[in-house]
C-alpha cells in the first residue's frame, strides 16, 4: 500500500497568511490547533473533530472543499 500523507500535512501546504482564500485561512488557523488530529486521513473522523472543536472554522463547507482538494492530490 502506498504511503498517503495525513490531511493535516496536506492542509499545512495551503497556509498563506496574506491570502483571503477560505482554505488558506482554515490552514492558518489549524496550524495553531494543538489538538488537531495530525495523523488522520478519514473524512468522518476529521469532520467530527472539526464540528466539535474548531470554533475557528466558520463553515464546514470550507473543510469539505479542502478535503476534496486533498483527495484529488492523493489519487495518483
PDB file of N, CA and C in Angstrom:
ATOM      1  N   UNK A   1       0.849  -1.191   0.000  1.00  0.00           N
ATOM      2  CA  UNK A   1       0.000   0.000   0.000  1.00  0.00           C
ATOM      3  C   UNK A   1       0.886   1.244   0.000  1.00  0.00           C
ATOM      4  N   UNK A   2       0.576   2.178  -0.839  1.00  0.00           N
ATOM      5  CA  UNK A   2       1.369   3.399  -0.951  1.00  0.00           C
ATOM      6  C   UNK A   2       1.123   4.305   0.251  1.00  0.00           C
ATOM      7  N   UNK A   3       2.159   4.997   0.641  1.00  0.00           N
ATOM      8  CA  UNK A   3       2.044   5.963   1.731  1.00  0.00           C
ATOM      9  C   UNK A   3       1.150   7.116   1.295  1.00  0.00           C
ATOM     10  N   UNK A   4       0.285   7.504   2.182  1.00  0.00           N
ATOM     11  CA  UNK A   4      -0.601   8.627   1.914  1.00  0.00           C
ATOM     12  C   UNK A   4      -0.444   9.622   3.049  1.00  0.00           C
ATOM     13  N   UNK A   5      -0.141  10.861   2.734  1.00  0.00           N
ATOM     14  CA  UNK A   5       0.073  11.836   3.797  1.00  0.00           C
ATOM     15  C   UNK A   5      -1.237  12.150   4.509  1.00  0.00           C
ATOM     16  N   UNK A   6      -1.128  12.607   5.727  1.00  0.00           N
ATOM     17  CA  UNK A   6      -2.312  12.948   6.507  1.00  0.00           C
ATOM     18  C   UNK A   6      -2.958  14.219   5.949  1.00  0.00           C
ATOM     19  N   UNK A   7      -4.224  14.390   6.280  1.00  0.00           N
ATOM     20  CA  UNK A   7      -4.929  15.596   5.850  1.00  0.00           C
ATOM     21  C   UNK A   7      -4.248  16.834   6.423  1.00  0.00           C
ATOM     22  N   UNK A   8      -3.847  16.771   7.674  1.00  0.00           N
ATOM     23  CA  UNK A   8      -3.204  17.925   8.313  1.00  0.00           C
ATOM     24  C   UNK A   8      -1.935  18.325   7.551  1.00  0.00           C
ATOM     25  N   UNK A   9      -1.135  17.330   7.207  1.00  0.00           N
ATOM     26  CA  UNK A   9       0.105  17.636   6.477  1.00  0.00           C
ATOM     27  C   UNK A   9      -0.203  18.306   5.141  1.00  0.00           C
ATOM     28  N   UNK A  10      -1.225  17.793   4.434  1.00  0.00           N
ATOM     29  CA  UNK A  10      -1.655  18.440   3.196  1.00  0.00           C
ATOM     30  C   UNK A  10      -2.133  19.867   3.479  1.00  0.00           C
ATOM     31  N   UNK A  11      -2.960  20.007   4.515  1.00  0.00           N
ATOM     32  CA  UNK A  11      -3.533  21.317   4.831  1.00  0.00           C
ATOM     33  C   UNK A  11      -2.448  22.350   5.105  1.00  0.00           C
ATOM     34  N   UNK A  12      -1.371  21.926   5.727  1.00  0.00           N
ATOM     35  CA  UNK A  12      -0.291  22.871   6.036  1.00  0.00           C
ATOM     36  C   UNK A  12       0.363  23.415   4.770  1.00  0.00           C
ATOM     37  N   UNK A  13       0.240  22.706   3.655  1.00  0.00           N
ATOM     38  CA  UNK A  13       0.783  23.216   2.398  1.00  0.00           C
ATOM     39  C   UNK A  13      -0.096  24.321   1.814  1.00  0.00           C
ATOM     40  N   UNK A  14      -1.277  24.501   2.380  1.00  0.00           N
ATOM     41  CA  UNK A  14      -2.214  25.510   1.884  1.00  0.00           C
ATOM     42  C   UNK A  14      -2.136  26.828   2.658  1.00  0.00           C
ATOM     43  N   UNK A  15      -1.278  26.884   3.678  1.00  0.00           N
ATOM     44  CA  UNK A  15      -1.173  28.101   4.501  1.00  0.00           C
ATOM     45  C   UNK A  15      -0.674  29.284   3.689  1.00  0.00           C
ATOM     46  N   UNK A  16      -1.230  30.434   3.979  1.00  0.00           N
ATOM     47  CA  UNK A  16      -0.778  31.683   3.375  1.00  0.00           C
ATOM     48  C   UNK A  16      -1.349  32.822   4.208  1.00  0.00           C
ATOM     49  N   UNK A  17      -0.536  33.410   5.079  1.00  0.00           N
ATOM     50  CA  UNK A  17      -1.053  34.453   5.971  1.00  0.00           C
ATOM     51  C   UNK A  17      -1.571  35.691   5.245  1.00  0.00           C
ATOM     52  N   UNK A  18      -1.178  35.870   3.993  1.00  0.00           N
ATOM     53  CA  UNK A  18      -1.618  37.048   3.242  1.00  0.00           C
ATOM     54  C   UNK A  18      -2.836  36.782   2.368  1.00  0.00           C
ATOM     55  N   UNK A  19      -3.308  35.541   2.355  1.00  0.00           N
ATOM     56  CA  UNK A  19      -4.411  35.171   1.469  1.00  0.00           C
ATOM     57  C   UNK A  19      -5.761  35.387   2.142  1.00  0.00           C
ATOM     58  N   UNK A  20      -6.751  35.721   1.327  1.00  0.00           N
ATOM     59  CA  UNK A  20      -8.125  35.810   1.829  1.00  0.00           C
ATOM     60  C   UNK A  20      -8.905  34.546   1.482  1.00  0.00           C
ATOM     61  N   UNK A  21      -8.246  33.579   0.822  1.00  0.00           N
ATOM     62  CA  UNK A  21      -8.891  32.322   0.477  1.00  0.00           C
ATOM     63  C   UNK A  21      -9.301  31.584   1.750  1.00  0.00           C
ATOM     64  N   UNK A  22     -10.510  31.033   1.760  1.00  0.00           N
ATOM     65  CA  UNK A  22     -11.035  30.377   2.958  1.00  0.00           C
ATOM     66  C   UNK A  22     -10.226  29.144   3.353  1.00  0.00           C
ATOM     67  N   UNK A  23      -9.760  28.376   2.387  1.00  0.00           N
ATOM     68  CA  UNK A  23      -8.959  27.192   2.711  1.00  0.00           C
ATOM     69  C   UNK A  23      -7.622  27.627   3.322  1.00  0.00           C
ATOM     70  N   UNK A  24      -7.016  28.665   2.799  1.00  0.00           N
ATOM     71  CA  UNK A  24      -5.761  29.172   3.359  1.00  0.00           C
ATOM     72  C   UNK A  24      -5.976  29.656   4.792  1.00  0.00           C
ATOM     73  N   UNK A  25      -7.079  30.342   5.035  1.00  0.00           N
ATOM     74  CA  UNK A  25      -7.382  30.802   6.392  1.00  0.00           C
ATOM     75  C   UNK A  25      -7.608  29.629   7.341  1.00  0.00           C
ATOM     76  N   UNK A  26      -8.318  28.597   6.874  1.00  0.00           N
ATOM     77  CA  UNK A  26      -8.523  27.377   7.643  1.00  0.00           C
ATOM     78  C   UNK A  26      -7.165  26.765   8.002  1.00  0.00           C
ATOM     79  N   UNK A  27      -6.276  26.677   7.032  1.00  0.00           N
ATOM     80  CA  UNK A  27      -4.939  26.121   7.265  1.00  0.00           C
ATOM     81  C   UNK A  27      -4.164  26.962   8.273  1.00  0.00           C
ATOM     82  N   UNK A  28      -4.227  28.272   8.123  1.00  0.00           N
ATOM     83  CA  UNK A  28      -3.535  29.164   9.057  1.00  0.00           C
ATOM     84  C   UNK A  28      -4.029  28.935  10.478  1.00  0.00           C
ATOM     85  N   UNK A  29      -5.345  28.817  10.646  1.00  0.00           N
ATOM     86  CA  UNK A  29      -5.926  28.624  11.976  1.00  0.00           C
ATOM     87  C   UNK A  29      -5.647  27.223  12.512  1.00  0.00           C
ATOM     88  N   UNK A  30      -5.733  26.215  11.660  1.00  0.00           N
ATOM     89  CA  UNK A  30      -5.500  24.836  12.099  1.00  0.00           C
ATOM     90  C   UNK A  30      -4.068  24.648  12.594  1.00  0.00           C
ATOM     91  N   UNK A  31      -3.155  25.424  12.059  1.00  0.00           N
ATOM     92  CA  UNK A  31      -1.756  25.340  12.482  1.00  0.00           C
ATOM     93  C   UNK A  31      -1.625  25.598  13.982  1.00  0.00           C
ATOM     94  N   UNK A  32      -2.506  26.391  14.544  1.00  0.00           N
ATOM     95  CA  UNK A  32      -2.441  26.761  15.957  1.00  0.00           C
ATOM     96  C   UNK A  32      -3.319  25.876  16.839  1.00  0.00           C
ATOM     97  N   UNK A  33      -3.999  24.915  16.249  1.00  0.00           N
ATOM     98  CA  UNK A  33      -4.881  23.999  16.975  1.00  0.00           C
ATOM     99  C   UNK A  33      -4.041  22.851  17.531  1.00  0.00           C
ATOM    100  N   UNK A  34      -3.743  22.907  18.813  1.00  0.00           N
ATOM    101  CA  UNK A  34      -2.844  21.925  19.435  1.00  0.00           C
ATOM    102  C   UNK A  34      -3.414  20.513  19.464  1.00  0.00           C
ATOM    103  N   UNK A  35      -4.738  20.372  19.372  1.00  0.00           N
ATOM    104  CA  UNK A  35      -5.334  19.038  19.468  1.00  0.00           C
ATOM    105  C   UNK A  35      -5.819  18.499  18.116  1.00  0.00           C
ATOM    106  N   UNK A  36      -5.505  19.190  17.023  1.00  0.00           N
ATOM    107  CA  UNK A  36      -5.910  18.724  15.695  1.00  0.00           C
ATOM    108  C   UNK A  36      -5.363  17.317  15.469  1.00  0.00           C
ATOM    109  N   UNK A  37      -6.191  16.396  14.955  1.00  0.00           N
ATOM    110  CA  UNK A  37      -5.713  15.028  14.713  1.00  0.00           C
ATOM    111  C   UNK A  37      -4.745  14.984  13.525  1.00  0.00           C
ATOM    112  N   UNK A  38      -3.486  15.191  13.817  1.00  0.00           N
ATOM    113  CA  UNK A  38      -2.470  15.420  12.783  1.00  0.00           C
ATOM    114  C   UNK A  38      -2.168  14.210  11.900  1.00  0.00           C
ATOM    115  N   UNK A  39      -2.483  13.008  12.348  1.00  0.00           N
ATOM    116  CA  UNK A  39      -2.194  11.816  11.545  1.00  0.00           C
ATOM    117  C   UNK A  39      -3.417  11.303  10.790  1.00  0.00           C
ATOM    118  N   UNK A  40      -4.557  11.912  11.013  1.00  0.00           N
ATOM    119  CA  UNK A  40      -5.825  11.390  10.474  1.00  0.00           C
ATOM    120  C   UNK A  40      -5.961  11.636   8.974  1.00  0.00           C
ATOM    121  N   UNK A  41      -6.591  10.639   8.305  1.00  0.00           N
ATOM    122  CA  UNK A  41      -6.895  10.739   6.877  1.00  0.00           C
ATOM    123  C   UNK A  41      -8.394  10.593   6.615  1.00  0.00           C
ATOM    124  N   UNK A  42      -9.113  10.048   7.576  1.00  0.00           N
ATOM    125  CA  UNK A  42     -10.520   9.710   7.402  1.00  0.00           C
ATOM    126  C   UNK A  42     -11.436  10.938   7.483  1.00  0.00           C
ATOM    127  N   UNK A  43     -12.270  11.102   6.455  1.00  0.00           N
ATOM    128  CA  UNK A  43     -13.168  12.254   6.376  1.00  0.00           C
ATOM    129  C   UNK A  43     -14.085  12.350   7.600  1.00  0.00           C
ATOM    130  N   UNK A  44     -14.734  11.235   7.954  1.00  0.00           N
ATOM    131  CA  UNK A  44     -15.709  11.262   9.052  1.00  0.00           C
ATOM    132  C   UNK A  44     -15.062  11.647  10.378  1.00  0.00           C
ATOM    133  N   UNK A  45     -13.904  11.079  10.663  1.00  0.00           N
ATOM    134  CA  UNK A  45     -13.217  11.389  11.924  1.00  0.00           C
ATOM    135  C   UNK A  45     -12.785  12.857  11.965  1.00  0.00           C
ATOM    136  N   UNK A  46     -12.276  13.348  10.847  1.00  0.00           N
ATOM    137  CA  UNK A  46     -11.879  14.750  10.777  1.00  0.00           C
ATOM    138  C   UNK A  46     -13.087  15.665  10.912  1.00  0.00           C
ATOM    139  N   UNK A  47     -14.150  15.315  10.223  1.00  0.00           N
ATOM    140  CA  UNK A  47     -15.372  16.115  10.271  1.00  0.00           C
ATOM    141  C   UNK A  47     -15.922  16.180  11.689  1.00  0.00           C
ATOM    142  N   UNK A  48     -15.984  15.032  12.363  1.00  0.00           N
ATOM    143  CA  UNK A  48     -16.466  15.002  13.743  1.00  0.00           C
ATOM    144  C   UNK A  48     -15.605  15.884  14.641  1.00  0.00           C
ATOM    145  N   UNK A  49     -14.304  15.779  14.509  1.00  0.00           N
ATOM    146  CA  UNK A  49     -13.401  16.589  15.322  1.00  0.00           C
ATOM    147  C   UNK A  49     -13.658  18.076  15.091  1.00  0.00           C
ATOM    148  N   UNK A  50     -13.717  18.471  13.823  1.00  0.00           N
ATOM    149  CA  UNK A  50     -13.876  19.886  13.498  1.00  0.00           C
ATOM    150  C   UNK A  50     -15.215  20.434  13.962  1.00  0.00           C
ATOM    151  N   UNK A  51     -16.278  19.651  13.808  1.00  0.00           N
ATOM    152  CA  UNK A  51     -17.593  20.110  14.256  1.00  0.00           C
ATOM    153  C   UNK A  51     -17.611  20.379  15.754  1.00  0.00           C
ATOM    154  N   UNK A  52     -16.889  19.599  16.516  1.00  0.00           N
ATOM    155  CA  UNK A  52     -16.898  19.732  17.966  1.00  0.00           C
ATOM    156  C   UNK A  52     -15.835  20.680  18.521  1.00  0.00           C
ATOM    157  N   UNK A  53     -14.742  20.862  17.785  1.00  0.00           N
ATOM    158  CA  UNK A  53     -13.589  21.554  18.371  1.00  0.00           C
ATOM    159  C   UNK A  53     -13.057  22.766  17.623  1.00  0.00           C
ATOM    160  N   UNK A  54     -13.499  22.992  16.412  1.00  0.00           N
ATOM    161  CA  UNK A  54     -12.870  24.039  15.596  1.00  0.00           C
ATOM    162  C   UNK A  54     -13.747  25.284  15.503  1.00  0.00           C
ATOM    163  N   UNK A  55     -13.782  26.035  16.583  1.00  0.00           N
ATOM    164  CA  UNK A  55     -14.519  27.294  16.575  1.00  0.00           C
ATOM    165  C   UNK A  55     -13.972  28.279  15.556  1.00  0.00           C
ATOM    166  N   UNK A  56     -12.742  28.057  15.115  1.00  0.00           N
ATOM    167  CA  UNK A  56     -12.110  28.945  14.124  1.00  0.00           C
ATOM    168  C   UNK A  56     -12.585  28.670  12.699  1.00  0.00           C
ATOM    169  N   UNK A  57     -13.342  27.586  12.500  1.00  0.00           N
ATOM    170  CA  UNK A  57     -13.811  27.228  11.152  1.00  0.00           C
ATOM    171  C   UNK A  57     -15.248  27.715  10.999  1.00  0.00           C
ATOM    172  N   UNK A  58     -15.460  28.799  10.224  1.00  0.00           N
ATOM    173  CA  UNK A  58     -16.798  29.391  10.142  1.00  0.00           C
ATOM    174  C   UNK A  58     -17.837  28.524   9.431  1.00  0.00           C
ATOM    175  N   UNK A  59     -17.403  27.598   8.581  1.00  0.00           N
ATOM    176  CA  UNK A  59     -18.343  26.763   7.834  1.00  0.00           C
ATOM    177  C   UNK A  59     -17.684  25.438   7.478  1.00  0.00           C
ATOM    178  N   UNK A  60     -18.438  24.349   7.648  1.00  0.00           N
ATOM    179  CA  UNK A  60     -17.898  23.040   7.303  1.00  0.00           C
ATOM    180  C   UNK A  60     -17.714  22.892   5.791  1.00  0.00           C
ATOM    181  N   UNK A  61     -18.346  23.746   4.991  1.00  0.00           N
ATOM    182  CA  UNK A  61     -18.141  23.671   3.548  1.00  0.00           C
ATOM    183  C   UNK A  61     -16.686  23.999   3.189  1.00  0.00           C
ATOM    184  N   UNK A  62     -16.019  24.778   4.029  1.00  0.00           N
ATOM    185  CA  UNK A  62     -14.599  25.075   3.799  1.00  0.00           C
ATOM    186  C   UNK A  62     -13.787  23.803   3.989  1.00  0.00           C
ATOM    187  N   UNK A  63     -14.088  23.048   5.045  1.00  0.00           N
ATOM    188  CA  UNK A  63     -13.427  21.757   5.246  1.00  0.00           C
ATOM    189  C   UNK A  63     -13.718  20.826   4.077  1.00  0.00           C
ATOM    190  N   UNK A  64     -14.973  20.781   3.642  1.00  0.00           N
ATOM    191  CA  UNK A  64     -15.340  19.909   2.516  1.00  0.00           C
ATOM    192  C   UNK A  64     -14.508  20.240   1.280  1.00  0.00           C
ATOM    193  N   UNK A  65     -14.346  21.524   1.015  1.00  0.00           N
ATOM    194  CA  UNK A  65     -13.565  21.951  -0.143  1.00  0.00           C
ATOM    195  C   UNK A  65     -12.099  21.544   0.017  1.00  0.00           C
ATOM    196  N   UNK A  66     -11.553  21.759   1.205  1.00  0.00           N
ATOM    197  CA  UNK A  66     -10.159  21.399   1.467  1.00  0.00           C
ATOM    198  C   UNK A  66      -9.971  19.886   1.373  1.00  0.00           C
ATOM    199  N   UNK A  67     -10.933  19.118   1.880  1.00  0.00           N
ATOM    200  CA  UNK A  67     -10.810  17.663   1.833  1.00  0.00           C
ATOM    201  C   UNK A  67     -10.881  17.157   0.395  1.00  0.00           C
ATOM    202  N   UNK A  68     -11.700  17.793  -0.412  1.00  0.00           N
ATOM    203  CA  UNK A  68     -11.784  17.401  -1.827  1.00  0.00           C
ATOM    204  C   UNK A  68     -10.446  17.681  -2.526  1.00  0.00           C
ATOM    205  N   UNK A  69      -9.832  18.800  -2.220  1.00  0.00           N
ATOM    206  CA  UNK A  69      -8.502  19.111  -2.768  1.00  0.00           C
ATOM    207  C   UNK A  69      -7.496  18.044  -2.327  1.00  0.00           C
ATOM    208  N   UNK A  70      -7.576  17.646  -1.075  1.00  0.00           N
ATOM    209  CA  UNK A  70      -6.708  16.596  -0.514  1.00  0.00           C
ATOM    210  C   UNK A  70      -6.920  15.272  -1.258  1.00  0.00           C
ATOM    211  N   UNK A  71      -8.174  14.891  -1.453  1.00  0.00           N
ATOM    212  CA  UNK A  71      -8.478  13.634  -2.161  1.00  0.00           C
ATOM    213  C   UNK A  71      -7.934  13.659  -3.581  1.00  0.00           C
ATOM    214  N   UNK A  72      -8.093  14.783  -4.261  1.00  0.00           N
ATOM    215  CA  UNK A  72      -7.586  14.886  -5.633  1.00  0.00           C
ATOM    216  C   UNK A  72      -6.069  14.738  -5.660  1.00  0.00           C
ATOM    217  N   UNK A  73      -5.398  15.333  -4.697  1.00  0.00           N
ATOM    218  CA  UNK A  73      -3.930  15.244  -4.649  1.00  0.00           C
ATOM    219  C   UNK A  73      -3.489  13.822  -4.323  1.00  0.00           C
ATOM    220  N   UNK A  74      -4.244  13.115  -3.496  1.00  0.00           N
ATOM    221  CA  UNK A  74      -3.866  11.778  -3.063  1.00  0.00           C
ATOM    222  C   UNK A  74      -4.209  10.684  -4.069  1.00  0.00           C
ATOM    223  N   UNK A  75      -5.024  10.987  -5.055  1.00  0.00           N
ATOM    224  CA  UNK A  75      -5.390   9.951  -6.034  1.00  0.00           C
ATOM    225  C   UNK A  75      -4.442  10.026  -7.229  1.00  0.00           C
ATOM    226  N   UNK A  76      -3.387   9.277  -7.153  1.00  0.00           N
ATOM    227  CA  UNK A  76      -2.391   9.272  -8.230  1.00  0.00           C
ATOM    228  C   UNK A  76      -2.305   7.958  -8.917  1.00  0.00           C
TER     229      UNK A  76
END
